[in-house]
Amino acid sequence: MADGADGRGSALQLIDPAQDNNRSANWSDLLGWRFVSTNINIGSVLAGATNLYVLLDSVGDVYIDDLALIALTGPTTGSNLIQNGGFEGPLVGWNFGTNMTNTAISAAVFHFGSNSLHLVAGSSGLPTTNASFWQTLPVITNTVYNLSYWFLPTTNANRLITRFNSNARPESVVKPPILFHSWGRQQCPRHAAAVPAVVVKRSPAEQFLSRHQWYRRQFRRARSLGELYNGGTNELSLAVIFWE
């Protein structure tokens, strides 16, 4: 096996030696988009509207995309409360702290669509309007929400924090993970767990797509999640996919 890349990019590294190394999802260049999804309960101390603060714990920058806050309970169940969380248009509704003035929409890299947000912090952030990138949201007390987003790992930052209050403050380490090395005992958590079978159906919003457009979208989704993998010895024709 080669010790490194051929000069055109990063070498792939094995994520988990206990998993099948024939699986593409068990290899990584450390550079791909990562998905974060967590459930939070706003609690009983907030009423009406409150602020979602997005910040870094140090000077740095990171790209994020497809930021969503979906109500799982209550009268707004299923609604995404974040305005322009896909960053496809002007940053209407978003506000900039004095340390975030260089934050902007970027067309250079993106997870989905044509743009992402390039979050740039000139100093470590705080959950205040002066030291974060923030938006006021009509959250409801004692309601469970799912907060999700994609980020592009970077060595230019450490922790990305999304915060409402002390009870709802999920954060992510945005530095690339340290993967398994054959010369040592250090390895990252096992991200290559068994992938269950998935039946893909068109959503109501996808009814207008042609068969070709829909297939392309499904392959793009599968690639972002990690892999299309056949663990058997026989070829599996994609012609068996049912059009529903």
C-alpha atoms as a PDB file:
ATOM      1  CA  MET A   1       0.000   0.000   0.000  1.00  0.00           C
ATOM      2  CA  ALA A   2       1.282   3.483  -0.818  1.00  0.00           C
ATOM      3  CA  ASP A   3       2.411   5.696   2.034  1.00  0.00           C
ATOM      4  CA  GLY A   4       0.687   8.801   0.733  1.00  0.00           C
ATOM      5  CA  ALA A   5      -1.170  10.472  -2.109  1.00  0.00           C
ATOM      6  CA  ASP A   6       0.212  10.709  -5.629  1.00  0.00           C
ATOM      7  CA  GLY A   7       0.625  14.466  -5.382  1.00  0.00           C
ATOM      8  CA  ARG A   8      -2.919  15.304  -6.463  1.00  0.00           C
ATOM      9  CA  GLY A   9      -4.671  15.285  -3.085  1.00  0.00           C
ATOM     10  CA  SER A  10      -4.940  13.698   0.347  1.00  0.00           C
ATOM     11  CA  ALA A  11      -4.297  10.006   0.879  1.00  0.00           C
ATOM     12  CA  LEU A  12      -7.306   7.956   1.940  1.00  0.00           C
ATOM     13  CA  GLN A  13      -7.095   6.511   5.442  1.00  0.00           C
ATOM     14  CA  LEU A  14      -8.930   3.581   6.978  1.00  0.00           C
ATOM     15  CA  ILE A  15     -11.544   4.727   9.483  1.00  0.00           C
ATOM     16  CA  ASP A  16     -12.181   1.476  11.378  1.00  0.00           C
ATOM     17  CA  PRO A  17     -10.088  -1.678  10.874  1.00  0.00           C
ATOM     18  CA  ALA A  18     -12.840  -3.770  12.502  1.00  0.00           C
ATOM     19  CA  GLN A  19     -15.167  -2.986   9.571  1.00  0.00           C
ATOM     20  CA  ASP A  20     -15.064  -4.237   5.975  1.00  0.00           C
ATOM     21  CA  ASN A  21     -12.311  -2.291   4.193  1.00  0.00           C
ATOM     22  CA  ASN A  22     -14.046  -2.915   0.842  1.00  0.00           C
ATOM     23  CA  ARG A  23     -16.635  -0.332   1.868  1.00  0.00           C
ATOM     24  CA  SER A  24     -16.073   3.176   0.546  1.00  0.00           C
ATOM     25  CA  ALA A  25     -17.616   4.598   3.723  1.00  0.00           C
ATOM     26  CA  ASN A  26     -14.776   3.018   5.713  1.00  0.00           C
ATOM     27  CA  TRP A  27     -12.219   5.249   4.002  1.00  0.00           C
ATOM     28  CA  SER A  28     -11.837   8.998   4.257  1.00  0.00           C
ATOM     29  CA  ASP A  29      -9.652  11.836   3.044  1.00  0.00           C
ATOM     30  CA  LEU A  30     -10.799  13.841   6.121  1.00  0.00           C
ATOM     31  CA  LEU A  31     -12.002  16.630   3.859  1.00  0.00           C
ATOM     32  CA  GLY A  32     -15.633  15.795   3.031  1.00  0.00           C
ATOM     33  CA  TRP A  33     -18.740  17.478   4.399  1.00  0.00           C
ATOM     34  CA  ARG A  34     -19.927  16.223   7.804  1.00  0.00           C
ATOM     35  CA  PHE A  35     -23.557  16.107   8.980  1.00  0.00           C
ATOM     36  CA  VAL A  36     -24.664  17.159  12.475  1.00  0.00           C
ATOM     37  CA  SER A  37     -28.138  16.416  13.820  1.00  0.00           C
ATOM     38  CA  THR A  38     -29.275  16.688  17.431  1.00  0.00           C
ATOM     39  CA  ASN A  39     -32.533  17.118  19.338  1.00  0.00           C
ATOM     40  CA  ILE A  40     -32.806  19.959  21.825  1.00  0.00           C
ATOM     41  CA  ASN A  41     -35.466  21.162  24.250  1.00  0.00           C
ATOM     42  CA  ILE A  42     -35.662  24.922  24.540  1.00  0.00           C
ATOM     43  CA  GLY A  43     -36.906  24.605  28.119  1.00  0.00           C
ATOM     44  CA  SER A  44     -39.320  26.759  30.069  1.00  0.00           C
ATOM     45  CA  VAL A  45     -37.297  29.953  30.520  1.00  0.00           C
ATOM     46  CA  LEU A  46     -37.833  31.463  27.059  1.00  0.00           C
ATOM     47  CA  ALA A  47     -41.041  32.877  25.652  1.00  0.00           C
ATOM     48  CA  GLY A  48     -42.114  34.179  22.265  1.00  0.00           C
ATOM     49  CA  ALA A  49     -38.948  34.658  20.234  1.00  0.00           C
ATOM     50  CA  THR A  50     -35.289  34.121  21.043  1.00  0.00           C
ATOM     51  CA  ASN A  51     -31.917  34.203  19.342  1.00  0.00           C
ATOM     52  CA  LEU A  52     -29.957  31.380  17.782  1.00  0.00           C
ATOM     53  CA  TYR A  53     -26.275  32.260  18.164  1.00  0.00           C
ATOM     54  CA  VAL A  54     -23.756  30.673  15.773  1.00  0.00           C
ATOM     55  CA  LEU A  55     -20.138  31.162  16.818  1.00  0.00           C
ATOM     56  CA  LEU A  56     -16.612  29.764  16.987  1.00  0.00           C
ATOM     57  CA  ASP A  57     -14.673  29.350  20.233  1.00  0.00           C
ATOM     58  CA  SER A  58     -11.566  30.970  18.722  1.00  0.00           C
ATOM     59  CA  VAL A  59     -10.327  33.016  15.790  1.00  0.00           C
ATOM     60  CA  GLY A  60     -10.946  31.042  12.606  1.00  0.00           C
ATOM     61  CA  ASP A  61     -13.351  30.184   9.826  1.00  0.00           C
ATOM     62  CA  VAL A  62     -15.523  27.290   8.674  1.00  0.00           C
ATOM     63  CA  TYR A  63     -18.042  26.597   5.905  1.00  0.00           C
ATOM     64  CA  ILE A  64     -21.545  25.506   6.930  1.00  0.00           C
ATOM     65  CA  ASP A  65     -24.641  24.710   4.888  1.00  0.00           C
ATOM     66  CA  ASP A  66     -28.267  23.563   5.137  1.00  0.00           C
ATOM     67  CA  LEU A  67     -28.846  24.833   8.674  1.00  0.00           C
ATOM     68  CA  ALA A  68     -32.306  23.852   9.926  1.00  0.00           C
ATOM     69  CA  LEU A  69     -34.316  23.955  13.147  1.00  0.00           C
ATOM     70  CA  ILE A  70     -37.344  21.663  12.826  1.00  0.00           C
ATOM     71  CA  ALA A  71     -40.064  21.490  15.464  1.00  0.00           C
ATOM     72  CA  LEU A  72     -40.736  17.867  16.491  1.00  0.00           C
ATOM     73  CA  THR A  73     -43.612  18.662  18.841  1.00  0.00           C
ATOM     74  CA  GLY A  74     -46.183  21.412  19.283  1.00  0.00           C
ATOM     75  CA  PRO A  75     -48.213  23.501  16.821  1.00  0.00           C
ATOM     76  CA  THR A  76     -45.287  24.168  14.441  1.00  0.00           C
ATOM     77  CA  THR A  77     -44.309  20.486  14.032  1.00  0.00           C
ATOM     78  CA  GLY A  78     -42.383  19.913  10.799  1.00  0.00           C
ATOM     79  CA  SER A  79     -41.617  23.576  10.184  1.00  0.00           C
ATOM     80  CA  ASN A  80     -38.073  24.879   9.648  1.00  0.00           C
ATOM     81  CA  LEU A  81     -37.883  28.090  11.650  1.00  0.00           C
ATOM     82  CA  ILE A  82     -34.561  29.303  10.245  1.00  0.00           C
ATOM     83  CA  GLN A  83     -34.771  31.856   7.472  1.00  0.00           C
ATOM     84  CA  ASN A  84     -32.392  31.148   4.571  1.00  0.00           C
ATOM     85  CA  GLY A  85     -30.594  28.305   6.318  1.00  0.00           C
ATOM     86  CA  GLY A  86     -29.488  27.044   2.912  1.00  0.00           C
ATOM     87  CA  PHE A  87     -27.697  30.363   2.266  1.00  0.00           C
ATOM     88  CA  GLU A  88     -28.922  30.481  -1.327  1.00  0.00           C
ATOM     89  CA  GLY A  89     -30.008  34.109  -1.136  1.00  0.00           C
ATOM     90  CA  PRO A  90     -29.142  37.328   0.699  1.00  0.00           C
ATOM     91  CA  LEU A  91     -28.646  36.962   4.444  1.00  0.00           C
ATOM     92  CA  VAL A  92     -32.024  38.473   5.283  1.00  0.00           C
ATOM     93  CA  GLY A  93     -32.870  37.848   8.933  1.00  0.00           C
ATOM     94  CA  TRP A  94     -29.248  37.168   9.890  1.00  0.00           C
ATOM     95  CA  ASN A  95     -27.239  39.599  11.998  1.00  0.00           C
ATOM     96  CA  PHE A  96     -23.499  40.069  12.417  1.00  0.00           C
ATOM     97  CA  GLY A  97     -21.579  40.627  15.633  1.00  0.00           C
ATOM     98  CA  THR A  98     -18.536  42.890  15.490  1.00  0.00           C
ATOM     99  CA  ASN A  99     -16.271  39.826  15.288  1.00  0.00           C
ATOM    100  CA  MET A 100     -18.261  38.331  12.384  1.00  0.00           C
ATOM    101  CA  THR A 101     -18.179  41.183   9.876  1.00  0.00           C
ATOM    102  CA  ASN A 102     -16.196  39.094   7.346  1.00  0.00           C
ATOM    103  CA  THR A 103     -18.802  36.324   7.348  1.00  0.00           C
ATOM    104  CA  ALA A 104     -20.452  36.001   3.931  1.00  0.00           C
ATOM    105  CA  ILE A 105     -22.177  33.712   1.452  1.00  0.00           C
ATOM    106  CA  SER A 106     -19.687  31.692  -0.601  1.00  0.00           C
ATOM    107  CA  ALA A 107     -20.143  30.095  -4.018  1.00  0.00           C
ATOM    108  CA  ALA A 108     -16.677  28.534  -3.830  1.00  0.00           C
ATOM    109  CA  VAL A 109     -17.826  25.459  -1.896  1.00  0.00           C
ATOM    110  CA  PHE A 110     -21.270  24.164  -0.952  1.00  0.00           C
ATOM    111  CA  HIS A 111     -22.988  20.999   0.192  1.00  0.00           C
ATOM    112  CA  PHE A 112     -26.258  21.455  -1.659  1.00  0.00           C
ATOM    113  CA  GLY A 113     -27.530  24.124  -3.990  1.00  0.00           C
ATOM    114  CA  SER A 114     -25.072  26.770  -5.162  1.00  0.00           C
ATOM    115  CA  ASN A 115     -23.824  28.439  -1.972  1.00  0.00           C
ATOM    116  CA  SER A 116     -22.775  27.902   1.616  1.00  0.00           C
ATOM    117  CA  LEU A 117     -21.985  30.209   4.522  1.00  0.00           C
ATOM    118  CA  HIS A 118     -18.349  31.101   5.152  1.00  0.00           C
ATOM    119  CA  LEU A 119     -18.392  31.800   8.886  1.00  0.00           C
ATOM    120  CA  VAL A 120     -15.376  33.961   9.733  1.00  0.00           C
ATOM    121  CA  ALA A 121     -14.584  34.905  13.339  1.00  0.00           C
ATOM    122  CA  GLY A 122     -12.077  37.676  14.072  1.00  0.00           C
ATOM    123  CA  SER A 123     -12.119  36.707  17.757  1.00  0.00           C
ATOM    124  CA  SER A 124     -13.600  34.001  19.954  1.00  0.00           C
ATOM    125  CA  GLY A 125     -17.383  34.162  20.032  1.00  0.00           C
ATOM    126  CA  LEU A 126     -19.934  34.591  22.780  1.00  0.00           C
ATOM    127  CA  PRO A 127     -23.704  33.970  22.877  1.00  0.00           C
ATOM    128  CA  THR A 128     -24.425  37.673  22.493  1.00  0.00           C
ATOM    129  CA  THR A 129     -25.514  39.869  19.588  1.00  0.00           C
ATOM    130  CA  ASN A 130     -22.088  41.562  19.571  1.00  0.00           C
ATOM    131  CA  ALA A 131     -19.984  38.398  19.289  1.00  0.00           C
ATOM    132  CA  SER A 132     -21.839  35.922  17.065  1.00  0.00           C
ATOM    133  CA  PHE A 133     -23.728  35.380  13.831  1.00  0.00           C
ATOM    134  CA  TRP A 134     -27.341  35.260  14.927  1.00  0.00           C
ATOM    135  CA  GLN A 135     -31.010  35.143  14.000  1.00  0.00           C
ATOM    136  CA  THR A 136     -34.135  35.706  16.078  1.00  0.00           C
ATOM    137  CA  LEU A 137     -36.485  32.707  15.890  1.00  0.00           C
ATOM    138  CA  PRO A 138     -40.081  32.206  17.097  1.00  0.00           C
ATOM    139  CA  VAL A 139     -39.310  29.185  19.263  1.00  0.00           C
ATOM    140  CA  ILE A 140     -41.835  27.900  21.791  1.00  0.00           C
ATOM    141  CA  THR A 141     -41.024  26.923  25.347  1.00  0.00           C
ATOM    142  CA  ASN A 142     -40.964  23.243  26.378  1.00  0.00           C
ATOM    143  CA  THR A 143     -40.785  22.197  22.735  1.00  0.00           C
ATOM    144  CA  VAL A 144     -38.413  19.647  21.187  1.00  0.00           C
ATOM    145  CA  TYR A 145     -36.580  20.737  18.051  1.00  0.00           C
ATOM    146  CA  ASN A 146     -34.144  19.011  15.738  1.00  0.00           C
ATOM    147  CA  LEU A 147     -31.146  21.185  14.900  1.00  0.00           C
ATOM    148  CA  SER A 148     -29.115  20.040  11.885  1.00  0.00           C
ATOM    149  CA  TYR A 149     -26.467  21.356   9.529  1.00  0.00           C
ATOM    150  CA  TRP A 150     -23.485  20.346   7.394  1.00  0.00           C
ATOM    151  CA  PHE A 151     -19.953  21.637   7.900  1.00  0.00           C
ATOM    152  CA  LEU A 152     -16.707  21.270   6.004  1.00  0.00           C
ATOM    153  CA  PRO A 153     -13.885  20.140   8.327  1.00  0.00           C
ATOM    154  CA  THR A 154     -11.078  22.658   8.659  1.00  0.00           C
ATOM    155  CA  THR A 155      -7.844  23.129  10.543  1.00  0.00           C
ATOM    156  CA  ASN A 156      -8.621  26.854  10.788  1.00  0.00           C
ATOM    157  CA  ALA A 157     -11.094  26.469  13.656  1.00  0.00           C
ATOM    158  CA  ASN A 158     -11.820  24.268  16.656  1.00  0.00           C
ATOM    159  CA  ARG A 159     -15.423  24.258  17.883  1.00  0.00           C
ATOM    160  CA  LEU A 160     -18.570  25.432  16.124  1.00  0.00           C
ATOM    161  CA  ILE A 161     -21.259  26.306  18.666  1.00  0.00           C
ATOM    162  CA  THR A 162     -24.980  26.806  18.023  1.00  0.00           C
ATOM    163  CA  ARG A 163     -26.659  28.116  21.144  1.00  0.00           C
ATOM    164  CA  PHE A 164     -30.009  29.258  22.469  1.00  0.00           C
ATOM    165  CA  ASN A 165     -29.346  29.011  26.193  1.00  0.00           C
ATOM    166  CA  SER A 166     -27.452  26.872  28.714  1.00  0.00           C
ATOM    167  CA  ASN A 167     -29.873  23.971  28.114  1.00  0.00           C
ATOM    168  CA  ALA A 168     -29.715  24.121  24.325  1.00  0.00           C
ATOM    169  CA  ARG A 169     -26.147  24.653  23.141  1.00  0.00           C
ATOM    170  CA  PRO A 170     -24.931  21.851  20.846  1.00  0.00           C
ATOM    171  CA  GLU A 171     -21.411  22.170  19.484  1.00  0.00           C
ATOM    172  CA  SER A 172     -19.176  20.333  17.028  1.00  0.00           C
ATOM    173  CA  VAL A 173     -15.433  19.912  16.710  1.00  0.00           C
ATOM    174  CA  VAL A 174     -14.776  21.037  13.142  1.00  0.00           C
ATOM    175  CA  LYS A 175     -11.148  19.933  12.925  1.00  0.00           C
ATOM    176  CA  PRO A 176     -10.630  16.790  10.798  1.00  0.00           C
ATOM    177  CA  PRO A 177     -10.682  13.627  12.962  1.00  0.00           C
ATOM    178  CA  ILE A 178      -7.565  11.591  13.693  1.00  0.00           C
ATOM    179  CA  LEU A 179      -8.041   8.264  11.952  1.00  0.00           C
ATOM    180  CA  PHE A 180      -6.574   4.831  12.563  1.00  0.00           C
ATOM    181  CA  HIS A 181      -2.846   4.393  11.948  1.00  0.00           C
ATOM    182  CA  SER A 182      -1.248   0.993  11.481  1.00  0.00           C
ATOM    183  CA  TRP A 183       1.806   2.134  13.426  1.00  0.00           C
ATOM    184  CA  GLY A 184      -0.147   3.190  16.511  1.00  0.00           C
ATOM    185  CA  ARG A 185      -3.199   2.393  18.587  1.00  0.00           C
ATOM    186  CA  GLN A 186      -5.044   5.651  18.052  1.00  0.00           C
ATOM    187  CA  GLN A 187      -8.211   5.659  15.990  1.00  0.00           C
ATOM    188  CA  CYS A 188     -11.399   7.623  15.644  1.00  0.00           C
ATOM    189  CA  PRO A 189     -14.861   6.341  16.696  1.00  0.00           C
ATOM    190  CA  ARG A 190     -16.388   3.723  14.433  1.00  0.00           C
ATOM    191  CA  HIS A 191     -18.274   5.725  11.839  1.00  0.00           C
ATOM    192  CA  ALA A 192     -18.551   2.785   9.431  1.00  0.00           C
ATOM    193  CA  ALA A 193     -21.277   0.884  11.225  1.00  0.00           C
ATOM    194  CA  ALA A 194     -23.548  -1.412   9.247  1.00  0.00           C
ATOM    195  CA  VAL A 195     -25.766   0.541   6.859  1.00  0.00           C
ATOM    196  CA  PRO A 196     -29.415  -0.606   6.859  1.00  0.00           C
ATOM    197  CA  ALA A 197     -31.361  -1.117   3.664  1.00  0.00           C
ATOM    198  CA  VAL A 198     -33.054   2.049   2.464  1.00  0.00           C
ATOM    199  CA  VAL A 199     -36.180   2.351   0.319  1.00  0.00           C
ATOM    200  CA  VAL A 200     -36.116   5.664  -1.506  1.00  0.00           C
ATOM    201  CA  LYS A 201     -39.379   7.265  -2.590  1.00  0.00           C
ATOM    202  CA  ARG A 202     -40.117  10.581  -4.197  1.00  0.00           C
ATOM    203  CA  SER A 203     -41.185  13.297  -1.801  1.00  0.00           C
ATOM    204  CA  PRO A 204     -44.138  15.516  -2.773  1.00  0.00           C
ATOM    205  CA  ALA A 205     -41.650  18.264  -3.694  1.00  0.00           C
ATOM    206  CA  GLU A 206     -39.926  15.896  -6.133  1.00  0.00           C
ATOM    207  CA  GLN A 207     -43.011  14.873  -8.109  1.00  0.00           C
ATOM    208  CA  PHE A 208     -42.162  17.327 -10.892  1.00  0.00           C
ATOM    209  CA  LEU A 209     -38.704  15.823 -11.519  1.00  0.00           C
ATOM    210  CA  SER A 210     -38.030  13.599 -14.488  1.00  0.00           C
ATOM    211  CA  ARG A 211     -36.811  10.072 -13.809  1.00  0.00           C
ATOM    212  CA  HIS A 212     -33.261  11.097 -14.831  1.00  0.00           C
ATOM    213  CA  GLN A 213     -33.284  14.157 -12.554  1.00  0.00           C
ATOM    214  CA  TRP A 214     -34.640  12.132  -9.653  1.00  0.00           C
ATOM    215  CA  TYR A 215     -31.999   9.387 -10.048  1.00  0.00           C
ATOM    216  CA  ARG A 216     -29.238  11.987 -10.135  1.00  0.00           C
ATOM    217  CA  ARG A 217     -30.560  13.538  -6.938  1.00  0.00           C
ATOM    218  CA  GLN A 218     -30.693  10.161  -5.145  1.00  0.00           C
ATOM    219  CA  PHE A 219     -27.131   9.310  -6.157  1.00  0.00           C
ATOM    220  CA  ARG A 220     -25.996  12.700  -4.936  1.00  0.00           C
ATOM    221  CA  ARG A 221     -27.680  12.088  -1.582  1.00  0.00           C
ATOM    222  CA  ALA A 222     -26.204   8.604  -1.290  1.00  0.00           C
ATOM    223  CA  ARG A 223     -22.738   9.942  -2.064  1.00  0.00           C
ATOM    224  CA  SER A 224     -23.054  12.629   0.641  1.00  0.00           C
ATOM    225  CA  LEU A 225     -24.078   9.966   3.163  1.00  0.00           C
ATOM    226  CA  GLY A 226     -21.061   7.852   2.334  1.00  0.00           C
ATOM    227  CA  GLU A 227     -21.611   5.053  -0.133  1.00  0.00           C
ATOM    228  CA  LEU A 228     -23.538   2.782  -2.433  1.00  0.00           C
ATOM    229  CA  TYR A 229     -22.210  -0.640  -1.418  1.00  0.00           C
ATOM    230  CA  ASN A 230     -23.035  -4.204  -2.420  1.00  0.00           C
ATOM    231  CA  GLY A 231     -21.601  -6.639   0.125  1.00  0.00           C
ATOM    232  CA  GLY A 232     -22.503  -9.724  -1.879  1.00  0.00           C
ATOM    233  CA  THR A 233     -20.642 -11.576  -4.622  1.00  0.00           C
ATOM    234  CA  ASN A 234     -23.287 -11.079  -7.304  1.00  0.00           C
ATOM    235  CA  GLU A 235     -23.805  -7.935  -9.341  1.00  0.00           C
ATOM    236  CA  LEU A 236     -26.815  -5.846  -8.331  1.00  0.00           C
ATOM    237  CA  SER A 237     -28.548  -4.104 -11.201  1.00  0.00           C
ATOM    238  CA  LEU A 238     -29.882  -0.631 -10.484  1.00  0.00           C
ATOM    239  CA  ALA A 239     -32.713  -1.460 -12.880  1.00  0.00           C
ATOM    240  CA  VAL A 240     -34.535  -3.068  -9.942  1.00  0.00           C
ATOM    241  CA  ILE A 241     -35.141   0.349  -8.384  1.00  0.00           C
ATOM    242  CA  PHE A 242     -38.895   0.920  -8.456  1.00  0.00           C
ATOM    243  CA  TRP A 243     -40.252   4.233  -9.686  1.00  0.00           C
ATOM    244  CA  GLU A 244     -42.942   5.381  -7.264  1.00  0.00           C
END
